[in-house]
C-alpha cells in the first residue's frame, strides 16, 4: 500500500508542478522568441514557442532525485539524472541555435554507456544467449535508437504526451502489480509515475492547438529516462515484454519508416513527414484525431502488457496480439480518409 501511495503522489504532484512551470516557460520562451517556425517538413502552422521540455525535464529530474533519497539509491539514480541533465542542456542549445548531429549522437552514446555500467553482470537482455559484451552492445544500440526515435516521433500536437503517459504509466502499473520481492526493486514504479505525471501536466498546453512545443529539450531526455526504465525492466526485473509491448507503436512507426526510406536511397537522418501519423495528418486528419487514435492504441497495448504481467495470458500470445494491433493501426494511419489533404 505504501508503494501505491508514493507512486500516486509522485505522479499527481509531478503533473501539477509541470503544468505550473510549463505556463511560466511559455511566457519566457515567447519573450525571448524561442519559436519553431513552420517549414516544408512541419505539421503545424504559425510560430509556436519551443523548448517547453525544460519544465518537463526539470520536474522529472528533481522528482527522481527526491525519490532516490527516499528509496535509498541516490548514487544509481544520480548518474542517470546527471546524464539526462547534460542531454537536456545540449538539446536546448540545439533548439535555440544548432548543435552538430555528430556531437548530439556522441552525447547519446556516452549517456547510454554510463547507464549500462549500472547493470549487474547477471542482468542480461538475452538471458545468457550472448556473451556479456555482445548483450551490452545490443542493449546499448536499442537504447540509443529509442532515444532518437522518441525525438523523431515528436511531430504533431500531443503525440509525445500520450506516448509518455502510456509507456511510463504502463510501467508504473505493471511494477506495482508484481508481487513485492519477486524479481526486483519495485520502487522504480514511482520514477515512472513522475514521467507520466509530467507528461500529463505538459499535455494541457501541447494538445491541439498546441501553445507550447516540447522541443528536443524534452523529447531527448524523456527518451533517455524512459529507455533506462525499459532496460531495467527487461534486464533486471526480467519483464522484457514491457520494453516491447508498451512502446510498440513508436518502435514500429519509427523503425519501419526508417527502413523504407533507406530502401529508397533517401538520407534517413534528414527531417521528413513520412511517419504513419504524419501521413494521416497530410491526408486531412487533425492532430487531435491522430493523437487520440494513438492514445487508444496505446491503451490497448498497456492492457495487453498488464495481462502478460499478471499471467492472464501467455507472453507470446500477448506479443502476437500487440503486433497485430500495431500493424492494423499503421495501416489505418496510412489509409486515413483523404479529406482536405495537405500537400
C-alpha atoms as a PDB file:
ATOM      1  CA  UNK A   1       0.000   0.000   0.000  1.00  0.00           C
ATOM      2  CA  UNK A   2       2.870   2.377   0.779  1.00  0.00           C
ATOM      3  CA  UNK A   3       4.343   1.858  -2.694  1.00  0.00           C
ATOM      4  CA  UNK A   4       0.973   2.624  -4.289  1.00  0.00           C
ATOM      5  CA  UNK A   5       0.543   5.822  -2.277  1.00  0.00           C
ATOM      6  CA  UNK A   6       4.077   7.011  -3.057  1.00  0.00           C
ATOM      7  CA  UNK A   7       3.619   6.249  -6.751  1.00  0.00           C
ATOM      8  CA  UNK A   8       0.261   8.034  -6.998  1.00  0.00           C
ATOM      9  CA  UNK A   9       1.561  11.026  -5.042  1.00  0.00           C
ATOM     10  CA  UNK A  10       4.624  11.235  -7.282  1.00  0.00           C
ATOM     11  CA  UNK A  11       2.506  11.206 -10.422  1.00  0.00           C
ATOM     12  CA  UNK A  12      -0.091  13.744  -9.243  1.00  0.00           C
ATOM     13  CA  UNK A  13       2.432  16.209  -7.822  1.00  0.00           C
ATOM     14  CA  UNK A  14       4.549  15.908 -10.969  1.00  0.00           C
ATOM     15  CA  UNK A  15       1.542  16.738 -13.146  1.00  0.00           C
ATOM     16  CA  UNK A  16       0.627  19.819 -11.117  1.00  0.00           C
ATOM     17  CA  UNK A  17       4.138  21.254 -10.882  1.00  0.00           C
ATOM     18  CA  UNK A  18       4.825  20.617 -14.573  1.00  0.00           C
ATOM     19  CA  UNK A  19       1.641  22.446 -15.555  1.00  0.00           C
ATOM     20  CA  UNK A  20       2.673  25.452 -13.452  1.00  0.00           C
ATOM     21  CA  UNK A  21       6.235  25.507 -14.775  1.00  0.00           C
ATOM     22  CA  UNK A  22       5.153  24.931 -18.379  1.00  0.00           C
ATOM     23  CA  UNK A  23       2.965  28.049 -18.206  1.00  0.00           C
ATOM     24  CA  UNK A  24       5.947  30.013 -16.909  1.00  0.00           C
ATOM     25  CA  UNK A  25       8.179  28.534 -19.621  1.00  0.00           C
ATOM     26  CA  UNK A  26       5.636  29.560 -22.269  1.00  0.00           C
ATOM     27  CA  UNK A  27       5.894  33.195 -21.193  1.00  0.00           C
ATOM     28  CA  UNK A  28       9.695  33.095 -21.026  1.00  0.00           C
ATOM     29  CA  UNK A  29      10.199  31.384 -24.385  1.00  0.00           C
ATOM     30  CA  UNK A  30       7.717  33.751 -26.029  1.00  0.00           C
ATOM     31  CA  UNK A  31       9.501  36.756 -24.589  1.00  0.00           C
ATOM     32  CA  UNK A  32      12.851  35.567 -25.974  1.00  0.00           C
ATOM     33  CA  UNK A  33      11.307  34.494 -29.299  1.00  0.00           C
ATOM     34  CA  UNK A  34      12.386  30.852 -28.970  1.00  0.00           C
ATOM     35  CA  UNK A  35       9.906  29.528 -31.512  1.00  0.00           C
ATOM     36  CA  UNK A  36       9.502  26.686 -34.002  1.00  0.00           C
ATOM     37  CA  UNK A  37       8.738  28.147 -37.412  1.00  0.00           C
ATOM     38  CA  UNK A  38       6.787  26.009 -39.888  1.00  0.00           C
ATOM     39  CA  UNK A  39       8.600  24.638 -42.929  1.00  0.00           C
ATOM     40  CA  UNK A  40       8.083  22.080 -45.669  1.00  0.00           C
ATOM     41  CA  UNK A  41       8.508  19.207 -43.218  1.00  0.00           C
ATOM     42  CA  UNK A  42       6.433  20.754 -40.418  1.00  0.00           C
ATOM     43  CA  UNK A  43       2.936  19.634 -39.468  1.00  0.00           C
ATOM     44  CA  UNK A  44       1.948  22.880 -37.744  1.00  0.00           C
ATOM     45  CA  UNK A  45       1.015  26.372 -38.857  1.00  0.00           C
ATOM     46  CA  UNK A  46       2.360  29.563 -37.350  1.00  0.00           C
ATOM     47  CA  UNK A  47       5.242  30.124 -34.940  1.00  0.00           C
ATOM     48  CA  UNK A  48       4.934  28.125 -31.708  1.00  0.00           C
ATOM     49  CA  UNK A  49       7.253  28.520 -28.694  1.00  0.00           C
ATOM     50  CA  UNK A  50       9.528  25.507 -28.381  1.00  0.00           C
ATOM     51  CA  UNK A  51      11.816  24.228 -25.647  1.00  0.00           C
ATOM     52  CA  UNK A  52       8.968  23.683 -23.186  1.00  0.00           C
ATOM     53  CA  UNK A  53      10.689  20.453 -22.258  1.00  0.00           C
ATOM     54  CA  UNK A  54      12.684  22.473 -19.720  1.00  0.00           C
ATOM     55  CA  UNK A  55       9.611  22.294 -17.464  1.00  0.00           C
ATOM     56  CA  UNK A  56       9.051  18.570 -18.026  1.00  0.00           C
ATOM     57  CA  UNK A  57      12.697  17.615 -17.589  1.00  0.00           C
ATOM     58  CA  UNK A  58      13.164  19.928 -14.615  1.00  0.00           C
ATOM     59  CA  UNK A  59      10.286  18.281 -12.784  1.00  0.00           C
ATOM     60  CA  UNK A  60      11.340  14.778 -13.846  1.00  0.00           C
ATOM     61  CA  UNK A  61      14.943  15.116 -12.706  1.00  0.00           C
ATOM     62  CA  UNK A  62      14.032  16.812  -9.432  1.00  0.00           C
ATOM     63  CA  UNK A  63      11.366  14.211  -8.734  1.00  0.00           C
ATOM     64  CA  UNK A  64      13.744  11.354  -9.496  1.00  0.00           C
ATOM     65  CA  UNK A  65      16.384  12.671  -7.109  1.00  0.00           C
ATOM     66  CA  UNK A  66      13.842  13.183  -4.324  1.00  0.00           C
ATOM     67  CA  UNK A  67      12.596   9.623  -4.762  1.00  0.00           C
ATOM     68  CA  UNK A  68      16.180   8.348  -4.973  1.00  0.00           C
ATOM     69  CA  UNK A  69      16.892   9.665  -1.479  1.00  0.00           C
ATOM     70  CA  UNK A  70      13.581   8.330  -0.169  1.00  0.00           C
ATOM     71  CA  UNK A  71      14.292   4.882  -1.618  1.00  0.00           C
ATOM     72  CA  UNK A  72      17.978   4.897  -0.643  1.00  0.00           C
ATOM     73  CA  UNK A  73      19.516   4.792  -4.140  1.00  0.00           C
ATOM     74  CA  UNK A  74      20.885   8.307  -4.774  1.00  0.00           C
ATOM     75  CA  UNK A  75      24.103   7.055  -6.392  1.00  0.00           C
ATOM     76  CA  UNK A  76      22.453   4.956  -9.082  1.00  0.00           C
ATOM     77  CA  UNK A  77      19.733   7.447  -9.932  1.00  0.00           C
ATOM     78  CA  UNK A  78      22.160  10.356  -9.619  1.00  0.00           C
ATOM     79  CA  UNK A  79      24.182   9.054 -12.575  1.00  0.00           C
ATOM     80  CA  UNK A  80      21.075   8.720 -14.749  1.00  0.00           C
ATOM     81  CA  UNK A  81      19.819  12.156 -13.693  1.00  0.00           C
ATOM     82  CA  UNK A  82      23.199  13.768 -14.420  1.00  0.00           C
ATOM     83  CA  UNK A  83      23.363  12.162 -17.871  1.00  0.00           C
ATOM     84  CA  UNK A  84      19.798  13.251 -18.662  1.00  0.00           C
ATOM     85  CA  UNK A  85      20.587  16.796 -17.494  1.00  0.00           C
ATOM     86  CA  UNK A  86      23.558  17.001 -19.876  1.00  0.00           C
ATOM     87  CA  UNK A  87      21.382  15.742 -22.724  1.00  0.00           C
ATOM     88  CA  UNK A  88      18.781  18.375 -21.845  1.00  0.00           C
ATOM     89  CA  UNK A  89      21.348  21.191 -21.977  1.00  0.00           C
ATOM     90  CA  UNK A  90      22.753  20.032 -25.326  1.00  0.00           C
ATOM     91  CA  UNK A  91      19.240  19.622 -26.712  1.00  0.00           C
ATOM     92  CA  UNK A  92      18.171  23.070 -25.512  1.00  0.00           C
ATOM     93  CA  UNK A  93      21.173  24.592 -27.276  1.00  0.00           C
ATOM     94  CA  UNK A  94      20.092  22.714 -30.395  1.00  0.00           C
ATOM     95  CA  UNK A  95      16.557  24.123 -30.049  1.00  0.00           C
ATOM     96  CA  UNK A  96      17.865  27.676 -29.659  1.00  0.00           C
ATOM     97  CA  UNK A  97      20.750  27.546 -32.139  1.00  0.00           C
ATOM     98  CA  UNK A  98      22.192  24.399 -33.644  1.00  0.00           C
ATOM     99  CA  UNK A  99      24.397  21.582 -32.379  1.00  0.00           C
ATOM    100  CA  UNK A 100      26.079  19.317 -34.968  1.00  0.00           C
ATOM    101  CA  UNK A 101      24.453  15.887 -35.334  1.00  0.00           C
ATOM    102  CA  UNK A 102      27.701  14.074 -34.521  1.00  0.00           C
ATOM    103  CA  UNK A 103      28.053  15.936 -31.213  1.00  0.00           C
ATOM    104  CA  UNK A 104      24.468  15.132 -30.243  1.00  0.00           C
ATOM    105  CA  UNK A 105      24.803  11.478 -31.202  1.00  0.00           C
ATOM    106  CA  UNK A 106      28.078  11.172 -29.287  1.00  0.00           C
ATOM    107  CA  UNK A 107      26.374  12.567 -26.193  1.00  0.00           C
ATOM    108  CA  UNK A 108      23.596   9.967 -26.568  1.00  0.00           C
ATOM    109  CA  UNK A 109      26.120   7.137 -26.801  1.00  0.00           C
ATOM    110  CA  UNK A 110      28.093   8.315 -23.759  1.00  0.00           C
ATOM    111  CA  UNK A 111      24.921   8.735 -21.687  1.00  0.00           C
ATOM    112  CA  UNK A 112      23.761   5.234 -22.613  1.00  0.00           C
ATOM    113  CA  UNK A 113      27.182   3.752 -21.855  1.00  0.00           C
ATOM    114  CA  UNK A 114      27.068   5.323 -18.377  1.00  0.00           C
ATOM    115  CA  UNK A 115      23.610   3.878 -17.800  1.00  0.00           C
ATOM    116  CA  UNK A 116      24.712   0.406 -18.833  1.00  0.00           C
ATOM    117  CA  UNK A 117      27.504   0.424 -16.245  1.00  0.00           C
ATOM    118  CA  UNK A 118      24.801   0.409 -13.567  1.00  0.00           C
ATOM    119  CA  UNK A 119      23.505  -3.003 -14.628  1.00  0.00           C
ATOM    120  CA  UNK A 120      24.760  -6.057 -12.708  1.00  0.00           C
ATOM    121  CA  UNK A 121      26.698  -8.561 -14.809  1.00  0.00           C
ATOM    122  CA  UNK A 122      23.856 -11.052 -14.371  1.00  0.00           C
ATOM    123  CA  UNK A 123      21.293  -8.592 -15.789  1.00  0.00           C
ATOM    124  CA  UNK A 124      21.215  -9.671 -19.428  1.00  0.00           C
ATOM    125  CA  UNK A 125      18.750  -8.744 -22.128  1.00  0.00           C
ATOM    126  CA  UNK A 126      19.139 -12.057 -23.990  1.00  0.00           C
ATOM    127  CA  UNK A 127      19.301 -14.225 -20.859  1.00  0.00           C
ATOM    128  CA  UNK A 128      22.808 -15.577 -21.475  1.00  0.00           C
ATOM    129  CA  UNK A 129      22.391 -16.383 -25.186  1.00  0.00           C
ATOM    130  CA  UNK A 130      25.073 -13.789 -25.958  1.00  0.00           C
ATOM    131  CA  UNK A 131      28.373 -13.067 -24.188  1.00  0.00           C
ATOM    132  CA  UNK A 132      28.228 -10.103 -21.807  1.00  0.00           C
ATOM    133  CA  UNK A 133      29.910  -7.645 -24.194  1.00  0.00           C
ATOM    134  CA  UNK A 134      27.552  -8.550 -27.063  1.00  0.00           C
ATOM    135  CA  UNK A 135      24.498  -8.372 -24.822  1.00  0.00           C
ATOM    136  CA  UNK A 136      25.510  -4.913 -23.595  1.00  0.00           C
ATOM    137  CA  UNK A 137      26.230  -3.762 -27.149  1.00  0.00           C
ATOM    138  CA  UNK A 138      22.809  -4.882 -28.358  1.00  0.00           C
ATOM    139  CA  UNK A 139      21.113  -3.288 -25.350  1.00  0.00           C
ATOM    140  CA  UNK A 140      23.024  -0.057 -25.892  1.00  0.00           C
ATOM    141  CA  UNK A 141      22.143   0.119 -29.580  1.00  0.00           C
ATOM    142  CA  UNK A 142      18.464  -0.426 -28.791  1.00  0.00           C
ATOM    143  CA  UNK A 143      18.576   2.284 -26.125  1.00  0.00           C
ATOM    144  CA  UNK A 144      20.319   4.795 -28.405  1.00  0.00           C
ATOM    145  CA  UNK A 145      17.786   4.083 -31.131  1.00  0.00           C
ATOM    146  CA  UNK A 146      14.934   4.543 -28.635  1.00  0.00           C
ATOM    147  CA  UNK A 147      16.256   7.990 -27.657  1.00  0.00           C
ATOM    148  CA  UNK A 148      16.383   9.043 -31.285  1.00  0.00           C
ATOM    149  CA  UNK A 149      13.070   7.553 -32.364  1.00  0.00           C
ATOM    150  CA  UNK A 150      11.397   9.216 -29.386  1.00  0.00           C
ATOM    151  CA  UNK A 151      12.745  12.500 -30.719  1.00  0.00           C
ATOM    152  CA  UNK A 152      11.853  11.755 -34.361  1.00  0.00           C
ATOM    153  CA  UNK A 153       8.263  10.848 -33.479  1.00  0.00           C
ATOM    154  CA  UNK A 154       7.560  14.150 -31.716  1.00  0.00           C
ATOM    155  CA  UNK A 155       5.985  15.678 -34.804  1.00  0.00           C
ATOM    156  CA  UNK A 156       2.373  16.645 -34.035  1.00  0.00           C
ATOM    157  CA  UNK A 157       0.496  18.176 -31.122  1.00  0.00           C
ATOM    158  CA  UNK A 158       0.015  15.805 -28.209  1.00  0.00           C
ATOM    159  CA  UNK A 159       1.677  12.702 -29.625  1.00  0.00           C
ATOM    160  CA  UNK A 160       4.675  12.505 -27.290  1.00  0.00           C
ATOM    161  CA  UNK A 161       2.488  13.366 -24.317  1.00  0.00           C
ATOM    162  CA  UNK A 162       0.142  10.447 -24.905  1.00  0.00           C
ATOM    163  CA  UNK A 163       3.065   8.112 -25.666  1.00  0.00           C
ATOM    164  CA  UNK A 164       4.904   9.053 -22.476  1.00  0.00           C
ATOM    165  CA  UNK A 165       1.757   8.643 -20.384  1.00  0.00           C
ATOM    166  CA  UNK A 166       1.156   5.195 -21.883  1.00  0.00           C
ATOM    167  CA  UNK A 167       4.719   3.870 -21.580  1.00  0.00           C
ATOM    168  CA  UNK A 168       5.529   5.365 -18.166  1.00  0.00           C
ATOM    169  CA  UNK A 169       2.053   4.793 -16.770  1.00  0.00           C
ATOM    170  CA  UNK A 170       2.036   1.225 -18.033  1.00  0.00           C
ATOM    171  CA  UNK A 171       5.429   0.588 -16.441  1.00  0.00           C
ATOM    172  CA  UNK A 172       4.286   2.005 -13.121  1.00  0.00           C
ATOM    173  CA  UNK A 173       1.132  -0.129 -13.132  1.00  0.00           C
ATOM    174  CA  UNK A 174       2.998  -3.296 -14.142  1.00  0.00           C
ATOM    175  CA  UNK A 175       5.638  -2.882 -11.443  1.00  0.00           C
ATOM    176  CA  UNK A 176       3.017  -2.264  -8.771  1.00  0.00           C
ATOM    177  CA  UNK A 177       1.067  -5.347  -9.852  1.00  0.00           C
ATOM    178  CA  UNK A 178       4.053  -7.626  -9.395  1.00  0.00           C
ATOM    179  CA  UNK A 179       4.431  -9.332  -6.043  1.00  0.00           C
ATOM    180  CA  UNK A 180       6.971  -7.392  -3.922  1.00  0.00           C
ATOM    181  CA  UNK A 181      10.356  -9.024  -3.936  1.00  0.00           C
ATOM    182  CA  UNK A 182       9.552 -11.425  -6.783  1.00  0.00           C
ATOM    183  CA  UNK A 183      12.389 -10.308  -9.017  1.00  0.00           C
ATOM    184  CA  UNK A 184      13.458  -6.764  -8.411  1.00  0.00           C
ATOM    185  CA  UNK A 185      13.118  -3.326  -6.845  1.00  0.00           C
ATOM    186  CA  UNK A 186       9.591  -2.054  -7.464  1.00  0.00           C
ATOM    187  CA  UNK A 187      10.425   1.454  -6.282  1.00  0.00           C
ATOM    188  CA  UNK A 188      11.039   2.144  -9.985  1.00  0.00           C
ATOM    189  CA  UNK A 189       7.249   2.429 -10.304  1.00  0.00           C
ATOM    190  CA  UNK A 190       7.334   5.834  -8.641  1.00  0.00           C
ATOM    191  CA  UNK A 191      10.050   7.001 -11.064  1.00  0.00           C
ATOM    192  CA  UNK A 192       7.840   6.001 -13.978  1.00  0.00           C
ATOM    193  CA  UNK A 193       4.894   7.799 -12.371  1.00  0.00           C
ATOM    194  CA  UNK A 194       6.898  11.044 -12.283  1.00  0.00           C
ATOM    195  CA  UNK A 195       7.396  10.868 -16.055  1.00  0.00           C
ATOM    196  CA  UNK A 196       3.735  10.033 -16.683  1.00  0.00           C
ATOM    197  CA  UNK A 197       2.623  12.894 -14.444  1.00  0.00           C
ATOM    198  CA  UNK A 198       4.964  15.376 -16.098  1.00  0.00           C
ATOM    199  CA  UNK A 199       3.565  14.368 -19.488  1.00  0.00           C
ATOM    200  CA  UNK A 200       0.015  14.962 -18.237  1.00  0.00           C
ATOM    201  CA  UNK A 201       0.910  18.440 -16.987  1.00  0.00           C
ATOM    202  CA  UNK A 202       2.593  19.354 -20.261  1.00  0.00           C
ATOM    203  CA  UNK A 203      -0.148  17.874 -22.444  1.00  0.00           C
ATOM    204  CA  UNK A 204      -2.560  20.567 -21.242  1.00  0.00           C
ATOM    205  CA  UNK A 205      -0.515  23.110 -23.205  1.00  0.00           C
ATOM    206  CA  UNK A 206       0.533  20.769 -26.009  1.00  0.00           C
ATOM    207  CA  UNK A 207      -2.845  19.404 -27.106  1.00  0.00           C
ATOM    208  CA  UNK A 208      -4.157  20.780 -30.387  1.00  0.00           C
ATOM    209  CA  UNK A 209      -3.882  23.657 -30.934  1.00  0.00           C
ATOM    210  CA  UNK A 210      -0.534  23.492 -29.140  1.00  0.00           C
ATOM    211  CA  UNK A 211       0.564  26.624 -27.344  1.00  0.00           C
ATOM    212  CA  UNK A 212       3.949  25.129 -26.457  1.00  0.00           C
ATOM    213  CA  UNK A 213       6.227  22.516 -28.019  1.00  0.00           C
ATOM    214  CA  UNK A 214       8.389  20.060 -26.118  1.00  0.00           C
ATOM    215  CA  UNK A 215      11.400  20.508 -28.388  1.00  0.00           C
ATOM    216  CA  UNK A 216      14.498  18.330 -28.324  1.00  0.00           C
ATOM    217  CA  UNK A 217      14.959  19.745 -24.828  1.00  0.00           C
ATOM    218  CA  UNK A 218      12.168  17.488 -23.663  1.00  0.00           C
ATOM    219  CA  UNK A 219      11.972  14.599 -26.114  1.00  0.00           C
ATOM    220  CA  UNK A 220      15.643  13.547 -25.939  1.00  0.00           C
ATOM    221  CA  UNK A 221      15.944  13.375 -22.107  1.00  0.00           C
ATOM    222  CA  UNK A 222      12.496  11.775 -21.898  1.00  0.00           C
ATOM    223  CA  UNK A 223      13.600   9.106 -24.368  1.00  0.00           C
ATOM    224  CA  UNK A 224      16.715   8.525 -22.291  1.00  0.00           C
ATOM    225  CA  UNK A 225      14.854   8.231 -18.975  1.00  0.00           C
ATOM    226  CA  UNK A 226      12.104   6.029 -20.383  1.00  0.00           C
ATOM    227  CA  UNK A 227      14.753   3.956 -22.139  1.00  0.00           C
ATOM    228  CA  UNK A 228      16.557   3.360 -18.857  1.00  0.00           C
ATOM    229  CA  UNK A 229      13.356   2.210 -17.157  1.00  0.00           C
ATOM    230  CA  UNK A 230      12.626  -0.137 -20.060  1.00  0.00           C
ATOM    231  CA  UNK A 231      16.186  -1.514 -19.984  1.00  0.00           C
ATOM    232  CA  UNK A 232      15.939  -2.026 -16.228  1.00  0.00           C
ATOM    233  CA  UNK A 233      12.578  -3.774 -16.587  1.00  0.00           C
ATOM    234  CA  UNK A 234      13.914  -6.088 -19.289  1.00  0.00           C
ATOM    235  CA  UNK A 235      17.358  -6.856 -17.876  1.00  0.00           C
ATOM    236  CA  UNK A 236      16.965  -6.644 -14.095  1.00  0.00           C
ATOM    237  CA  UNK A 237      13.289  -7.350 -13.417  1.00  0.00           C
ATOM    238  CA  UNK A 238      13.045  -9.876 -16.283  1.00  0.00           C
ATOM    239  CA  UNK A 239       9.894  -8.193 -17.587  1.00  0.00           C
ATOM    240  CA  UNK A 240      11.274  -7.963 -21.113  1.00  0.00           C
ATOM    241  CA  UNK A 241       7.878  -7.897 -22.796  1.00  0.00           C
ATOM    242  CA  UNK A 242       7.177  -4.480 -21.265  1.00  0.00           C
ATOM    243  CA  UNK A 243      10.034  -2.986 -23.281  1.00  0.00           C
ATOM    244  CA  UNK A 244       8.482  -4.346 -26.466  1.00  0.00           C
ATOM    245  CA  UNK A 245       4.738  -4.014 -25.962  1.00  0.00           C
ATOM    246  CA  UNK A 246       4.356  -0.664 -24.191  1.00  0.00           C
ATOM    247  CA  UNK A 247       6.228   1.474 -26.782  1.00  0.00           C
ATOM    248  CA  UNK A 248       5.418  -0.828 -29.714  1.00  0.00           C
ATOM    249  CA  UNK A 249       3.648   1.824 -31.781  1.00  0.00           C
ATOM    250  CA  UNK A 250       6.670   4.152 -31.568  1.00  0.00           C
ATOM    251  CA  UNK A 251       9.089   1.271 -32.205  1.00  0.00           C
ATOM    252  CA  UNK A 252       7.147   0.165 -35.279  1.00  0.00           C
ATOM    253  CA  UNK A 253       6.335   3.520 -36.898  1.00  0.00           C
ATOM    254  CA  UNK A 254       9.856   4.914 -36.491  1.00  0.00           C
ATOM    255  CA  UNK A 255      11.745   1.739 -37.429  1.00  0.00           C
ATOM    256  CA  UNK A 256       9.637   0.746 -40.429  1.00  0.00           C
ATOM    257  CA  UNK A 257       9.700   4.300 -41.785  1.00  0.00           C
ATOM    258  CA  UNK A 258      13.496   4.361 -41.440  1.00  0.00           C
ATOM    259  CA  UNK A 259      13.851   1.044 -43.269  1.00  0.00           C
ATOM    260  CA  UNK A 260      11.528   2.116 -46.090  1.00  0.00           C
ATOM    261  CA  UNK A 261      13.338   5.422 -46.545  1.00  0.00           C
ATOM    262  CA  UNK A 262      16.686   3.643 -46.519  1.00  0.00           C
ATOM    263  CA  UNK A 263      15.476   1.180 -49.145  1.00  0.00           C
ATOM    264  CA  UNK A 264      14.506   4.134 -51.333  1.00  0.00           C
ATOM    265  CA  UNK A 265      18.003   5.548 -51.041  1.00  0.00           C
ATOM    266  CA  UNK A 266      16.875   8.585 -49.051  1.00  0.00           C
ATOM    267  CA  UNK A 267      19.055  10.272 -46.439  1.00  0.00           C
ATOM    268  CA  UNK A 268      17.456   8.735 -43.360  1.00  0.00           C
ATOM    269  CA  UNK A 269      18.876  11.327 -40.951  1.00  0.00           C
ATOM    270  CA  UNK A 270      17.050  14.157 -42.681  1.00  0.00           C
ATOM    271  CA  UNK A 271      13.755  15.518 -41.303  1.00  0.00           C
ATOM    272  CA  UNK A 272      10.661  14.320 -43.162  1.00  0.00           C
ATOM    273  CA  UNK A 273       6.900  13.786 -42.950  1.00  0.00           C
ATOM    274  CA  UNK A 274       6.636  10.094 -43.810  1.00  0.00           C
ATOM    275  CA  UNK A 275       5.784   8.541 -40.445  1.00  0.00           C
ATOM    276  CA  UNK A 276       2.363   6.915 -40.422  1.00  0.00           C
ATOM    277  CA  UNK A 277       0.893   9.556 -38.122  1.00  0.00           C
ATOM    278  CA  UNK A 278       2.214  12.305 -40.427  1.00  0.00           C
ATOM    279  CA  UNK A 279       0.671  10.601 -43.451  1.00  0.00           C
ATOM    280  CA  UNK A 280      -2.708  10.709 -41.680  1.00  0.00           C
ATOM    281  CA  UNK A 281      -2.314  14.423 -40.905  1.00  0.00           C
ATOM    282  CA  UNK A 282      -1.347  15.142 -44.509  1.00  0.00           C
ATOM    283  CA  UNK A 283      -4.493  13.292 -45.564  1.00  0.00           C
ATOM    284  CA  UNK A 284      -6.589  15.792 -43.620  1.00  0.00           C
ATOM    285  CA  UNK A 285      -6.816  14.319 -40.116  1.00  0.00           C
ATOM    286  CA  UNK A 286      -6.471  16.746 -37.231  1.00  0.00           C
ATOM    287  CA  UNK A 287      -3.614  16.433 -34.764  1.00  0.00           C
ATOM    288  CA  UNK A 288      -6.162  15.745 -32.039  1.00  0.00           C
ATOM    289  CA  UNK A 289      -7.788  12.916 -34.017  1.00  0.00           C
ATOM    290  CA  UNK A 290      -4.463  11.228 -34.733  1.00  0.00           C
ATOM    291  CA  UNK A 291      -3.071  11.690 -31.206  1.00  0.00           C
ATOM    292  CA  UNK A 292      -6.375  10.432 -29.801  1.00  0.00           C
ATOM    293  CA  UNK A 293      -6.264   7.378 -32.078  1.00  0.00           C
ATOM    294  CA  UNK A 294      -2.697   6.612 -30.971  1.00  0.00           C
ATOM    295  CA  UNK A 295      -3.747   7.074 -27.330  1.00  0.00           C
ATOM    296  CA  UNK A 296      -6.461   4.450 -27.860  1.00  0.00           C
ATOM    297  CA  UNK A 297      -3.988   2.031 -29.453  1.00  0.00           C
ATOM    298  CA  UNK A 298      -1.591   2.632 -26.567  1.00  0.00           C
ATOM    299  CA  UNK A 299      -4.324   1.953 -24.018  1.00  0.00           C
ATOM    300  CA  UNK A 300      -4.889  -1.480 -25.530  1.00  0.00           C
ATOM    301  CA  UNK A 301      -1.125  -2.113 -25.602  1.00  0.00           C
ATOM    302  CA  UNK A 302      -0.935  -1.218 -21.900  1.00  0.00           C
ATOM    303  CA  UNK A 303      -3.780  -3.622 -21.114  1.00  0.00           C
ATOM    304  CA  UNK A 304      -2.049  -6.373 -23.092  1.00  0.00           C
ATOM    305  CA  UNK A 305       1.238  -5.759 -21.256  1.00  0.00           C
ATOM    306  CA  UNK A 306      -0.532  -5.910 -17.888  1.00  0.00           C
ATOM    307  CA  UNK A 307      -2.339  -9.093 -18.935  1.00  0.00           C
ATOM    308  CA  UNK A 308       1.008 -10.772 -19.559  1.00  0.00           C
ATOM    309  CA  UNK A 309       2.460  -9.347 -16.334  1.00  0.00           C
ATOM    310  CA  UNK A 310      -0.222 -10.927 -14.134  1.00  0.00           C
ATOM    311  CA  UNK A 311      -0.067 -14.167 -16.156  1.00  0.00           C
ATOM    312  CA  UNK A 312      -3.624 -13.996 -17.504  1.00  0.00           C
ATOM    313  CA  UNK A 313      -2.254 -14.684 -20.985  1.00  0.00           C
ATOM    314  CA  UNK A 314       0.998 -16.254 -22.224  1.00  0.00           C
ATOM    315  CA  UNK A 315       3.602 -13.672 -23.124  1.00  0.00           C
ATOM    316  CA  UNK A 316       3.959 -14.830 -26.722  1.00  0.00           C
ATOM    317  CA  UNK A 317       0.193 -14.657 -27.239  1.00  0.00           C
ATOM    318  CA  UNK A 318       0.272 -11.121 -25.894  1.00  0.00           C
ATOM    319  CA  UNK A 319       3.095 -10.191 -28.256  1.00  0.00           C
ATOM    320  CA  UNK A 320       1.229 -11.643 -31.219  1.00  0.00           C
ATOM    321  CA  UNK A 321      -1.883  -9.602 -30.410  1.00  0.00           C
ATOM    322  CA  UNK A 322       0.213  -6.472 -29.826  1.00  0.00           C
ATOM    323  CA  UNK A 323       1.957  -6.836 -33.199  1.00  0.00           C
ATOM    324  CA  UNK A 324      -1.362  -7.444 -34.969  1.00  0.00           C
ATOM    325  CA  UNK A 325      -2.910  -4.394 -33.300  1.00  0.00           C
ATOM    326  CA  UNK A 326       0.054  -2.165 -34.166  1.00  0.00           C
ATOM    327  CA  UNK A 327       0.129  -3.355 -37.768  1.00  0.00           C
ATOM    328  CA  UNK A 328      -3.583  -2.577 -38.061  1.00  0.00           C
ATOM    329  CA  UNK A 329      -3.021   0.874 -36.545  1.00  0.00           C
ATOM    330  CA  UNK A 330      -0.228   1.659 -39.012  1.00  0.00           C
ATOM    331  CA  UNK A 331      -2.393   0.542 -41.922  1.00  0.00           C
ATOM    332  CA  UNK A 332      -5.247   2.720 -40.668  1.00  0.00           C
ATOM    333  CA  UNK A 333      -2.995   5.771 -40.377  1.00  0.00           C
ATOM    334  CA  UNK A 334      -1.592   5.207 -43.867  1.00  0.00           C
ATOM    335  CA  UNK A 335      -5.136   4.926 -45.242  1.00  0.00           C
ATOM    336  CA  UNK A 336      -6.816   7.736 -43.350  1.00  0.00           C
ATOM    337  CA  UNK A 337      -9.775   9.140 -45.362  1.00  0.00           C
ATOM    338  CA  UNK A 338      -8.347  11.735 -47.730  1.00  0.00           C
ATOM    339  CA  UNK A 339     -10.304  14.811 -46.661  1.00  0.00           C
ATOM    340  CA  UNK A 340      -8.785  18.238 -47.244  1.00  0.00           C
ATOM    341  CA  UNK A 341      -5.370  16.668 -47.727  1.00  0.00           C
ATOM    342  CA  UNK A 342      -2.288  18.757 -47.048  1.00  0.00           C
ATOM    343  CA  UNK A 343       0.282  18.525 -49.813  1.00  0.00           C
END
